[in-house]
Amino acid sequence: MQEFETIFYEKDDGTEPAKEFILSLDVKMRAKMLRTVEMLKKNGNQL
């Protein structure tokens, strides 16, 4: 299965709201979110 690439949306001013949100989370929630993103990256729409 082909692995998907994670690309964060970038606004015209150069900010990446989704990435900034993930980085603003506490350590435990950030780990959960990054694990979920990694699962989506590996399994894509088959998840």
PDB file of N, CA and C in Angstrom:
ATOM      1  N   MET A   1       0.844  -1.182   0.000  1.00  0.00           N
ATOM      2  CA  MET A   1       0.000   0.000   0.000  1.00  0.00           C
ATOM      3  C   MET A   1       0.891   1.247   0.000  1.00  0.00           C
ATOM      4  N   GLN A   2       0.524   2.201  -0.827  1.00  0.00           N
ATOM      5  CA  GLN A   2       1.275   3.444  -0.920  1.00  0.00           C
ATOM      6  C   GLN A   2       1.030   4.304   0.317  1.00  0.00           C
ATOM      7  N   GLU A   3       2.105   4.879   0.835  1.00  0.00           N
ATOM      8  CA  GLU A   3       1.985   5.743   1.999  1.00  0.00           C
ATOM      9  C   GLU A   3       1.603   7.150   1.549  1.00  0.00           C
ATOM     10  N   PHE A   4       0.709   7.786   2.291  1.00  0.00           N
ATOM     11  CA  PHE A   4       0.292   9.146   1.991  1.00  0.00           C
ATOM     12  C   PHE A   4       1.294  10.130   2.591  1.00  0.00           C
ATOM     13  N   GLU A   5       1.354  11.311   2.036  1.00  0.00           N
ATOM     14  CA  GLU A   5       2.228  12.366   2.539  1.00  0.00           C
ATOM     15  C   GLU A   5       1.389  13.352   3.346  1.00  0.00           C
ATOM     16  N   THR A   6       1.920  13.787   4.474  1.00  0.00           N
ATOM     17  CA  THR A   6       1.228  14.768   5.306  1.00  0.00           C
ATOM     18  C   THR A   6       1.669  16.162   4.893  1.00  0.00           C
ATOM     19  N   ILE A   7       0.721  16.965   4.445  1.00  0.00           N
ATOM     20  CA  ILE A   7       1.012  18.347   4.046  1.00  0.00           C
ATOM     21  C   ILE A   7       0.077  19.252   4.832  1.00  0.00           C
ATOM     22  N   PHE A   8       0.643  20.220   5.527  1.00  0.00           N
ATOM     23  CA  PHE A   8      -0.167  21.160   6.289  1.00  0.00           C
ATOM     24  C   PHE A   8      -0.544  22.347   5.415  1.00  0.00           C
ATOM     25  N   TYR A   9      -1.814  22.750   5.486  1.00  0.00           N
ATOM     26  CA  TYR A   9      -2.311  23.922   4.765  1.00  0.00           C
ATOM     27  C   TYR A   9      -1.531  25.138   5.224  1.00  0.00           C
ATOM     28  N   GLU A  10      -1.092  25.950   4.260  1.00  0.00           N
ATOM     29  CA  GLU A  10      -0.356  27.174   4.576  1.00  0.00           C
ATOM     30  C   GLU A  10      -1.143  28.371   4.065  1.00  0.00           C
ATOM     31  N   LYS A  11      -1.411  29.302   4.966  1.00  0.00           N
ATOM     32  CA  LYS A  11      -2.147  30.513   4.594  1.00  0.00           C
ATOM     33  C   LYS A  11      -1.212  31.465   3.849  1.00  0.00           C
ATOM     34  N   ASP A  12      -1.779  32.497   3.253  1.00  0.00           N
ATOM     35  CA  ASP A  12      -1.000  33.471   2.485  1.00  0.00           C
ATOM     36  C   ASP A  12       0.082  34.146   3.324  1.00  0.00           C
ATOM     37  N   ASP A  13      -0.175  34.297   4.633  1.00  0.00           N
ATOM     38  CA  ASP A  13       0.815  34.951   5.497  1.00  0.00           C
ATOM     39  C   ASP A  13       1.896  33.986   5.985  1.00  0.00           C
ATOM     40  N   GLY A  14       1.856  32.731   5.511  1.00  0.00           N
ATOM     41  CA  GLY A  14       2.893  31.759   5.851  1.00  0.00           C
ATOM     42  C   GLY A  14       2.603  30.912   7.074  1.00  0.00           C
ATOM     43  N   THR A  15       1.505  31.177   7.770  1.00  0.00           N
ATOM     44  CA  THR A  15       1.179  30.390   8.953  1.00  0.00           C
ATOM     45  C   THR A  15       0.522  29.071   8.554  1.00  0.00           C
ATOM     46  N   GLU A  16       0.661  28.085   9.414  1.00  0.00           N
ATOM     47  CA  GLU A  16       0.071  26.771   9.214  1.00  0.00           C
ATOM     48  C   GLU A  16      -0.826  26.467  10.416  1.00  0.00           C
ATOM     49  N   PRO A  17      -2.112  26.845  10.339  1.00  0.00           N
ATOM     50  CA  PRO A  17      -3.012  26.748  11.488  1.00  0.00           C
ATOM     51  C   PRO A  17      -3.120  25.348  12.084  1.00  0.00           C
ATOM     52  N   ALA A  18      -3.231  24.321  11.276  1.00  0.00           N
ATOM     53  CA  ALA A  18      -3.378  22.960  11.807  1.00  0.00           C
ATOM     54  C   ALA A  18      -2.112  22.537  12.554  1.00  0.00           C
ATOM     55  N   LYS A  19      -0.967  22.823  11.985  1.00  0.00           N
ATOM     56  CA  LYS A  19       0.311  22.483  12.624  1.00  0.00           C
ATOM     57  C   LYS A  19       0.464  23.253  13.944  1.00  0.00           C
ATOM     58  N   GLU A  20       0.110  24.523  13.914  1.00  0.00           N
ATOM     59  CA  GLU A  20       0.190  25.336  15.131  1.00  0.00           C
ATOM     60  C   GLU A  20      -0.742  24.798  16.210  1.00  0.00           C
ATOM     61  N   PHE A  21      -1.932  24.346  15.810  1.00  0.00           N
ATOM     62  CA  PHE A  21      -2.875  23.769  16.768  1.00  0.00           C
ATOM     63  C   PHE A  21      -2.281  22.517  17.414  1.00  0.00           C
ATOM     64  N   ILE A  22      -1.728  21.631  16.608  1.00  0.00           N
ATOM     65  CA  ILE A  22      -1.138  20.392  17.135  1.00  0.00           C
ATOM     66  C   ILE A  22      -0.010  20.719  18.103  1.00  0.00           C
ATOM     67  N   LEU A  23       0.837  21.670  17.742  1.00  0.00           N
ATOM     68  CA  LEU A  23       1.963  22.029  18.608  1.00  0.00           C
ATOM     69  C   LEU A  23       1.505  22.728  19.892  1.00  0.00           C
ATOM     70  N   SER A  24       0.295  23.297  19.890  1.00  0.00           N
ATOM     71  CA  SER A  24      -0.205  23.984  21.085  1.00  0.00           C
ATOM     72  C   SER A  24      -0.799  23.016  22.108  1.00  0.00           C
ATOM     73  N   LEU A  25      -1.035  21.772  21.709  1.00  0.00           N
ATOM     74  CA  LEU A  25      -1.637  20.789  22.613  1.00  0.00           C
ATOM     75  C   LEU A  25      -0.652  20.372  23.704  1.00  0.00           C
ATOM     76  N   ASP A  26      -1.204  19.905  24.836  1.00  0.00           N
ATOM     77  CA  ASP A  26      -0.329  19.377  25.870  1.00  0.00           C
ATOM     78  C   ASP A  26       0.309  18.081  25.351  1.00  0.00           C
ATOM     79  N   VAL A  27       1.339  17.624  26.004  1.00  0.00           N
ATOM     80  CA  VAL A  27       2.157  16.512  25.512  1.00  0.00           C
ATOM     81  C   VAL A  27       1.334  15.253  25.241  1.00  0.00           C
ATOM     82  N   LYS A  28       0.440  14.911  26.145  1.00  0.00           N
ATOM     83  CA  LYS A  28      -0.352  13.688  25.991  1.00  0.00           C
ATOM     84  C   LYS A  28      -1.287  13.769  24.779  1.00  0.00           C
ATOM     85  N   MET A  29      -1.990  14.886  24.632  1.00  0.00           N
ATOM     86  CA  MET A  29      -2.903  15.048  23.498  1.00  0.00           C
ATOM     87  C   MET A  29      -2.140  15.166  22.184  1.00  0.00           C
ATOM     88  N   ARG A  30      -0.972  15.820  22.205  1.00  0.00           N
ATOM     89  CA  ARG A  30      -0.152  15.932  21.001  1.00  0.00           C
ATOM     90  C   ARG A  30       0.276  14.546  20.532  1.00  0.00           C
ATOM     91  N   ALA A  31       0.673  13.688  21.462  1.00  0.00           N
ATOM     92  CA  ALA A  31       1.087  12.329  21.113  1.00  0.00           C
ATOM     93  C   ALA A  31      -0.070  11.560  20.482  1.00  0.00           C
ATOM     94  N   LYS A  32      -1.267  11.702  21.038  1.00  0.00           N
ATOM     95  CA  LYS A  32      -2.450  11.033  20.471  1.00  0.00           C
ATOM     96  C   LYS A  32      -2.746  11.542  19.064  1.00  0.00           C
ATOM     97  N   MET A  33      -2.679  12.852  18.890  1.00  0.00           N
ATOM     98  CA  MET A  33      -2.965  13.450  17.586  1.00  0.00           C
ATOM     99  C   MET A  33      -1.928  13.009  16.547  1.00  0.00           C
ATOM    100  N   LEU A  34      -0.662  13.022  16.910  1.00  0.00           N
ATOM    101  CA  LEU A  34       0.388  12.621  15.972  1.00  0.00           C
ATOM    102  C   LEU A  34       0.294  11.139  15.634  1.00  0.00           C
ATOM    103  N   ARG A  35      -0.122  10.324  16.596  1.00  0.00           N
ATOM    104  CA  ARG A  35      -0.328   8.895  16.324  1.00  0.00           C
ATOM    105  C   ARG A  35      -1.458   8.725  15.306  1.00  0.00           C
ATOM    106  N   THR A  36      -2.525   9.495  15.452  1.00  0.00           N
ATOM    107  CA  THR A  36      -3.644   9.430  14.521  1.00  0.00           C
ATOM    108  C   THR A  36      -3.222   9.894  13.125  1.00  0.00           C
ATOM    109  N   VAL A  37      -2.469  10.969  13.045  1.00  0.00           N
ATOM    110  CA  VAL A  37      -1.975  11.460  11.753  1.00  0.00           C
ATOM    111  C   VAL A  37      -1.090  10.403  11.101  1.00  0.00           C
ATOM    112  N   GLU A  38      -0.254   9.752  11.888  1.00  0.00           N
ATOM    113  CA  GLU A  38       0.618   8.704  11.358  1.00  0.00           C
ATOM    114  C   GLU A  38      -0.205   7.519  10.829  1.00  0.00           C
ATOM    115  N   MET A  39      -1.270   7.158  11.540  1.00  0.00           N
ATOM    116  CA  MET A  39      -2.149   6.080  11.076  1.00  0.00           C
ATOM    117  C   MET A  39      -2.802   6.453   9.751  1.00  0.00           C
ATOM    118  N   LEU A  40      -3.245   7.703   9.627  1.00  0.00           N
ATOM    119  CA  LEU A  40      -3.839   8.173   8.380  1.00  0.00           C
ATOM    120  C   LEU A  40      -2.806   8.163   7.253  1.00  0.00           C
ATOM    121  N   LYS A  41      -1.585   8.551   7.589  1.00  0.00           N
ATOM    122  CA  LYS A  41      -0.509   8.567   6.589  1.00  0.00           C
ATOM    123  C   LYS A  41      -0.256   7.168   6.043  1.00  0.00           C
ATOM    124  N   LYS A  42      -0.239   6.182   6.920  1.00  0.00           N
ATOM    125  CA  LYS A  42       0.067   4.813   6.518  1.00  0.00           C
ATOM    126  C   LYS A  42      -1.111   4.119   5.844  1.00  0.00           C
ATOM    127  N   ASN A  43      -2.342   4.387   6.311  1.00  0.00           N
ATOM    128  CA  ASN A  43      -3.509   3.646   5.832  1.00  0.00           C
ATOM    129  C   ASN A  43      -4.427   4.438   4.919  1.00  0.00           C
ATOM    130  N   GLY A  44      -4.253   5.746   4.889  1.00  0.00           N
ATOM    131  CA  GLY A  44      -5.063   6.596   4.014  1.00  0.00           C
ATOM    132  C   GLY A  44      -6.549   6.379   4.194  1.00  0.00           C
ATOM    133  N   ASN A  45      -7.256   6.334   3.073  1.00  0.00           N
ATOM    134  CA  ASN A  45      -8.702   6.206   3.144  1.00  0.00           C
ATOM    135  C   ASN A  45      -9.150   4.788   3.479  1.00  0.00           C
ATOM    136  N   GLN A  46      -8.234   3.855   3.683  1.00  0.00           N
ATOM    137  CA  GLN A  46      -8.572   2.507   4.097  1.00  0.00           C
ATOM    138  C   GLN A  46      -8.700   2.398   5.621  1.00  0.00           C
ATOM    139  N   LEU A  47      -8.399   3.474   6.327  1.00  0.00           N
ATOM    140  CA  LEU A  47      -8.470   3.467   7.777  1.00  0.00           C
ATOM    141  C   LEU A  47      -9.908   3.363   8.209  1.00  0.00           C
TER     142      LEU A  47
END
